[in-house]
Protein backbone atom coordinates (compact mmCIF):
# COMPACT_ATOMS: atom_id res chain seq x y z
CA MET A 1 26.42 142.62 115.60
CA GLU A 2 27.21 143.87 119.29
CA LYS A 3 24.50 141.47 120.87
CA HIS A 4 26.69 138.65 119.38
CA LEU A 5 30.21 139.49 119.27
CA PHE A 6 32.80 138.97 122.24
CA PHE A 7 36.32 139.94 122.50
CA LEU A 8 38.87 138.02 124.70
CA PRO A 9 41.07 140.20 126.95
CA GLY A 10 44.34 140.92 125.72
CA ASN A 11 45.72 141.69 122.23
CA THR A 12 47.01 137.81 121.52
CA PRO A 13 46.15 134.60 123.02
CA GLU A 14 49.61 134.39 124.25
CA GLU A 15 49.80 137.58 125.98
CA LEU A 16 46.60 136.42 127.95
CA ILE A 17 48.57 133.21 129.00
CA TRP A 18 52.06 134.58 129.45
CA SER A 19 53.03 134.43 133.19
CA ASP A 20 56.45 135.61 134.29
CA GLU A 21 56.63 133.64 137.62
CA LEU A 22 55.38 130.09 135.77
CA ALA A 23 58.37 130.64 133.31
CA LYS A 24 60.82 131.28 136.39
CA SER A 25 59.37 128.57 138.06
CA GLN A 26 59.85 126.19 135.26
CA LEU A 27 63.14 127.18 134.26
CA ASN A 28 64.14 126.69 138.40
CA LEU A 29 62.51 123.15 138.06
CA LEU A 30 64.87 121.95 135.11
CA GLY A 31 67.70 122.96 137.15
CA ILE A 32 68.80 125.61 134.78
CA THR A 33 71.03 127.72 136.62
CA GLN A 34 70.08 131.24 138.33
CA ASN A 35 72.34 133.45 136.05
CA LYS A 36 71.35 131.48 132.93
CA ILE A 37 67.34 132.07 134.56
CA ASP A 38 68.22 135.86 134.69
CA GLU A 39 69.67 136.21 131.25
CA CYS A 40 66.19 134.32 129.80
CA ILE A 41 64.13 136.43 132.17
CA ASP A 42 66.08 139.84 130.63
CA LYS A 43 65.56 138.42 126.83
CA ILE A 44 62.03 138.04 127.56
CA ASN A 45 61.44 141.45 129.26
CA ARG A 46 62.84 142.92 126.03
CA THR A 47 60.81 142.20 124.48
CA ASN A 48 56.68 143.25 123.75
CA ASN A 49 56.13 140.95 121.53
CA PHE A 50 54.76 137.26 123.47
CA LYS A 51 55.30 135.19 120.44
CA GLU A 52 58.66 135.89 120.68
CA LYS A 53 58.68 135.75 124.21
CA PHE A 54 57.57 132.07 124.28
CA LYS A 55 60.37 131.42 121.38
CA ILE A 56 62.94 132.90 123.90
CA TYR A 57 61.67 130.74 126.61
CA ALA A 58 61.07 127.60 124.69
CA THR A 59 64.76 128.03 123.71
CA TYR A 60 66.19 127.94 127.14
CA ILE A 61 64.21 125.27 127.88
CA HIS A 62 64.96 122.97 125.34
CA SER A 63 68.73 124.21 125.38
CA THR A 64 68.79 124.49 121.64
CA GLU A 65 67.19 126.39 119.08
CA VAL A 66 63.31 125.51 118.78
CA ASN A 67 60.96 124.68 116.09
CA SER A 68 56.86 125.33 116.35
CA THR A 69 56.46 122.07 118.04
CA GLN A 70 58.34 122.86 120.88
CA ILE A 71 56.78 126.03 121.23
CA LEU A 72 53.36 124.98 121.38
CA SER A 73 53.98 122.27 123.71
CA GLU A 74 55.54 124.89 126.07
CA GLN A 75 52.63 127.29 125.22
CA LYS A 76 50.05 124.23 126.20
CA ARG A 77 51.94 124.23 129.88
CA PHE A 78 51.36 127.90 130.02
CA VAL A 79 47.23 127.12 128.99
CA ILE A 80 46.91 124.43 131.83
CA ALA A 81 48.25 126.68 134.37
CA PHE A 82 46.18 129.79 133.04
CA ALA A 83 42.75 127.43 133.07
CA ASN A 84 43.81 126.58 136.42
CA SER A 85 44.13 129.80 137.72
CA GLU A 86 42.05 132.43 139.63
CA SER A 87 43.32 135.37 137.24
CA ASP A 88 40.50 138.08 136.38
CA ASN A 89 41.38 137.25 132.91
CA LEU A 90 39.89 133.86 133.38
CA THR A 91 36.65 135.39 135.06
CA ILE A 92 36.13 137.33 132.31
CA ILE A 93 36.37 134.59 129.56
CA LYS A 94 34.18 132.52 132.24
CA GLU A 95 31.35 135.53 131.64
CA LEU A 96 31.93 135.91 128.08
CA LEU A 97 31.16 132.26 127.66
CA THR A 98 27.97 132.41 129.80
CA ARG A 99 26.92 135.37 127.86
CA ILE A 100 27.19 133.66 124.51
CA VAL A 101 26.03 130.36 125.61
CA ASN A 102 22.62 132.29 127.20
CA THR A 103 22.10 134.66 124.25
């Protein structure tokens, strides 16, 4: 079992891909006021639930209550950014996948 069982870093996929910096920059790119960005980030920082962080973020991006499709759309942006990053977690995942393929 230990030879073939691997775990990704982080507790949830949402935690793995979340980035405060990306959230701030996307909100800024959409022309959202600094007061609204600060309000959004404050709400995000008050929760440890990464699914909730994405819901809060998507609500500010879409300026309305959001559904699961809209949240997933925003999560995809974070996945793309994560995949294009040079984060330590991405390196760990690449190493795990290489070990899986080679076992």
